[in-house]
Amino acid sequence: MTGVSRREFLAASMAVGGVSTARAAEQTAWDFTFTDIDGGKLPLAQYKGNALMVVNTASFCGFTYQYEGLEKLHRLRKSSGFVVIGVPSQDFNQESDSNAKVKAFCEATFGVEFPMAGISKVTGENAEPFYKWVKAERNWEPSWNFNKVIIGRDGHIVACFGSGDEPDGLRVQTAITKALAVQA
């Protein structure tokens, strides 16, 4: 540290750290795009100003029945600015092998009309960037199917929930109300 005092070095290091922390804090859900179930783009930015629930889903899971509650929730809260987004994943070995099969199953069995991503990785090094962001922000990633990430109108994470937290459960409903109350 020739010519630089320890105090100056530490101050400069903290300033640099503050810049990268500020940049990370600026990132929001609106910065991410999934591939949709039909092979197009599903940019979360199109929902800017709404609150979201992003749910990793699977067709052959003990929690698959939650599709019904998710669709009901989407329909009931849509007019207040709330959107459910399904993210089918094979990470836990309980999903179909094609987007077409997932879409047909969801529509025929549960009448799903909420937006759906294509089959995606939600855990680990190869996870979708959205899920890597959630992991970086909250040190949380899905531990099973039907884990839920609630996003406020400002694009920031409000809460994360596991499979056992039902779409119509008190904890989830409280987080949705909080997310809708956030000013965009």
Protein backbone atom coordinates (compact mmCIF):
# COMPACT_ATOMS: atom_id res chain seq x y z
CA MET A 1 0.00 0.00 0.00
CA THR A 2 2.65 2.46 -1.04
CA GLY A 3 1.50 6.06 -0.68
CA VAL A 4 -2.01 5.10 0.47
CA SER A 5 -2.98 4.97 4.12
CA ARG A 6 -4.93 2.04 5.46
CA ARG A 7 -7.86 4.40 6.15
CA GLU A 8 -7.87 5.65 2.51
CA PHE A 9 -7.61 2.08 1.22
CA LEU A 10 -10.54 0.92 3.35
CA ALA A 11 -12.63 3.96 2.39
CA ALA A 12 -11.98 3.30 -1.30
CA SER A 13 -12.79 -0.41 -0.88
CA MET A 14 -16.07 0.41 0.85
CA ALA A 15 -16.98 2.91 -1.88
CA VAL A 16 -16.38 0.29 -4.57
CA GLY A 17 -18.40 -2.24 -2.58
CA GLY A 18 -21.18 0.30 -2.20
CA VAL A 19 -21.40 0.74 -5.97
CA SER A 20 -21.79 -2.97 -6.66
CA THR A 21 -24.30 -3.30 -3.83
CA ALA A 22 -26.28 -0.37 -5.20
CA ARG A 23 -26.30 -1.94 -8.68
CA ALA A 24 -27.56 -5.23 -7.26
CA ALA A 25 -30.25 -3.38 -5.32
CA GLU A 26 -31.37 -1.71 -8.55
CA GLN A 27 -32.13 -5.05 -10.21
CA THR A 28 -35.79 -6.05 -10.07
CA ALA A 29 -38.00 -8.83 -11.39
CA TRP A 30 -38.71 -6.58 -14.39
CA ASP A 31 -35.16 -7.27 -15.62
CA PHE A 32 -35.89 -10.94 -16.36
CA THR A 33 -37.43 -12.78 -19.28
CA PHE A 34 -38.51 -16.40 -19.45
CA THR A 35 -39.22 -18.35 -22.61
CA ASP A 36 -42.99 -18.86 -22.64
CA ILE A 37 -44.70 -22.22 -22.98
CA ASP A 38 -45.24 -21.65 -26.72
CA GLY A 39 -41.56 -20.82 -27.36
CA GLY A 40 -41.93 -17.03 -27.41
CA LYS A 41 -40.74 -14.49 -24.87
CA LEU A 42 -42.27 -13.89 -21.45
CA PRO A 43 -40.66 -10.65 -20.24
CA LEU A 44 -41.64 -9.90 -16.65
CA ALA A 45 -41.32 -6.20 -17.54
CA GLN A 46 -44.70 -6.46 -19.27
CA TYR A 47 -46.21 -6.81 -15.78
CA LYS A 48 -44.44 -3.75 -14.36
CA GLY A 49 -46.73 -2.07 -11.82
CA ASN A 50 -48.48 -5.34 -10.98
CA ALA A 51 -47.73 -7.74 -8.15
CA LEU A 52 -46.67 -11.25 -9.16
CA MET A 53 -46.57 -14.75 -7.80
CA VAL A 54 -43.97 -16.81 -9.69
CA VAL A 55 -44.51 -20.51 -8.99
CA ASN A 56 -42.38 -23.46 -10.09
CA THR A 57 -44.83 -26.15 -11.11
CA ALA A 58 -44.95 -29.83 -12.10
CA SER A 59 -47.66 -32.01 -13.63
CA PHE A 60 -47.02 -35.18 -11.62
CA CYS A 61 -46.50 -33.93 -8.07
CA GLY A 62 -48.53 -34.40 -4.91
CA PHE A 63 -49.02 -30.60 -4.97
CA THR A 64 -50.24 -30.46 -8.60
CA TYR A 65 -53.77 -29.85 -7.27
CA GLN A 66 -52.54 -26.33 -6.38
CA TYR A 67 -52.99 -25.39 -10.05
CA GLU A 68 -56.70 -25.07 -9.25
CA GLY A 69 -56.04 -22.63 -6.40
CA LEU A 70 -53.49 -20.70 -8.45
CA GLU A 71 -55.94 -20.24 -11.33
CA LYS A 72 -58.71 -19.17 -8.92
CA LEU A 73 -56.33 -16.71 -7.26
CA HIS A 74 -55.25 -15.34 -10.65
CA ARG A 75 -58.85 -14.78 -11.74
CA LEU A 76 -59.95 -13.24 -8.43
CA ARG A 77 -57.02 -10.85 -8.01
CA LYS A 78 -56.28 -10.01 -11.67
CA SER A 79 -58.46 -6.90 -11.62
CA SER A 80 -56.48 -5.56 -8.64
CA GLY A 81 -53.17 -5.90 -10.50
CA PHE A 82 -52.06 -9.39 -9.48
CA VAL A 83 -50.62 -11.97 -11.90
CA VAL A 84 -49.72 -15.60 -11.32
CA ILE A 85 -46.90 -16.95 -13.52
CA GLY A 86 -46.29 -20.69 -13.72
CA VAL A 87 -42.78 -22.00 -14.33
CA PRO A 88 -42.89 -25.73 -15.06
CA SER A 89 -39.69 -27.46 -14.00
CA GLN A 90 -38.21 -30.93 -14.27
CA ASP A 91 -35.73 -30.18 -11.45
CA PHE A 92 -37.57 -32.61 -9.15
CA ASN A 93 -38.33 -35.20 -11.86
CA GLN A 94 -42.09 -34.72 -11.89
CA GLU A 95 -42.79 -32.82 -15.10
CA SER A 96 -43.73 -33.87 -18.65
CA ASP A 97 -41.05 -33.98 -21.31
CA SER A 98 -42.49 -31.22 -23.52
CA ASN A 99 -44.04 -27.79 -23.22
CA ALA A 100 -46.95 -28.92 -25.42
CA LYS A 101 -47.82 -31.72 -22.97
CA VAL A 102 -47.57 -29.37 -19.99
CA LYS A 103 -49.81 -26.79 -21.66
CA ALA A 104 -52.41 -29.36 -22.72
CA PHE A 105 -52.47 -30.88 -19.22
CA CYS A 106 -52.81 -27.51 -17.44
CA GLU A 107 -55.55 -26.23 -19.73
CA ALA A 108 -57.58 -29.47 -19.85
CA THR A 109 -57.26 -30.44 -16.20
CA PHE A 110 -57.30 -27.09 -14.40
CA GLY A 111 -58.42 -24.52 -16.98
CA VAL A 112 -55.15 -22.62 -16.51
CA GLU A 113 -55.19 -19.24 -18.21
CA PHE A 114 -52.40 -17.52 -16.27
CA PRO A 115 -49.10 -17.02 -18.12
CA MET A 116 -46.81 -20.04 -18.24
CA ALA A 117 -43.09 -20.21 -18.94
CA GLY A 118 -41.61 -23.14 -20.79
CA ILE A 119 -40.01 -25.96 -18.82
CA SER A 120 -37.18 -24.28 -16.89
CA LYS A 121 -34.40 -24.95 -14.41
CA VAL A 122 -35.20 -23.31 -11.07
CA THR A 123 -32.30 -24.53 -8.92
CA GLY A 124 -28.54 -24.72 -9.11
CA GLU A 125 -25.95 -23.26 -11.47
CA ASN A 126 -28.16 -23.64 -14.55
CA ALA A 127 -31.24 -22.03 -13.02
CA GLU A 128 -33.08 -19.35 -14.94
CA PRO A 129 -31.62 -15.88 -14.22
CA PHE A 130 -34.78 -14.92 -12.30
CA TYR A 131 -34.20 -17.76 -9.84
CA LYS A 132 -30.49 -16.95 -9.56
CA TRP A 133 -31.52 -13.39 -8.66
CA VAL A 134 -33.95 -14.67 -6.01
CA LYS A 135 -31.18 -16.85 -4.58
CA ALA A 136 -28.77 -13.88 -4.51
CA GLU A 137 -31.35 -11.56 -2.93
CA ARG A 138 -32.90 -13.93 -0.40
CA ASN A 139 -30.54 -16.92 -0.17
CA TRP A 140 -33.59 -18.97 -1.17
CA GLU A 141 -34.33 -21.33 -4.02
CA PRO A 142 -37.18 -23.79 -4.58
CA SER A 143 -36.75 -26.93 -2.51
CA TRP A 144 -39.60 -28.72 -4.29
CA ASN A 145 -42.40 -28.06 -6.75
CA PHE A 146 -45.01 -25.34 -6.16
CA ASN A 147 -42.68 -23.01 -4.28
CA LYS A 148 -43.85 -19.41 -4.59
CA VAL A 149 -42.05 -16.07 -4.98
CA ILE A 150 -44.19 -12.98 -4.34
CA ILE A 151 -43.06 -9.82 -6.15
CA GLY A 152 -44.31 -6.33 -5.22
CA ARG A 153 -45.51 -3.72 -7.70
CA ASP A 154 -42.00 -2.22 -7.56
CA GLY A 155 -40.43 -5.46 -8.82
CA HIS A 156 -38.80 -6.41 -5.51
CA ILE A 157 -39.27 -9.67 -3.65
CA VAL A 158 -41.87 -9.49 -0.89
CA ALA A 159 -41.82 -13.13 0.27
CA CYS A 160 -40.93 -16.70 -0.66
CA PHE A 161 -42.97 -19.77 0.25
CA GLY A 162 -42.65 -23.55 0.06
CA SER A 163 -45.04 -26.11 -1.35
CA GLY A 164 -47.01 -26.45 1.88
CA ASP A 165 -48.12 -22.81 1.74
CA GLU A 166 -51.40 -23.02 -0.17
CA PRO A 167 -52.34 -20.26 -2.66
CA ASP A 168 -55.38 -19.38 -0.51
CA GLY A 169 -53.57 -19.78 2.81
CA LEU A 170 -53.34 -16.90 5.28
CA ARG A 171 -49.55 -16.44 4.99
CA VAL A 172 -49.65 -16.30 1.19
CA GLN A 173 -52.73 -14.06 1.12
CA THR A 174 -51.10 -11.68 3.60
CA ALA A 175 -47.98 -11.46 1.41
CA ILE A 176 -50.11 -10.83 -1.70
CA THR A 177 -51.95 -8.02 0.06
CA LYS A 178 -48.58 -6.55 1.09
CA ALA A 179 -47.27 -6.89 -2.50
CA LEU A 180 -50.32 -5.11 -3.89
CA ALA A 181 -49.87 -2.30 -1.34
CA VAL A 182 -46.30 -1.60 -2.51
CA GLN A 183 -46.12 1.56 -4.62
CA ALA A 184 -44.69 1.01 -8.10
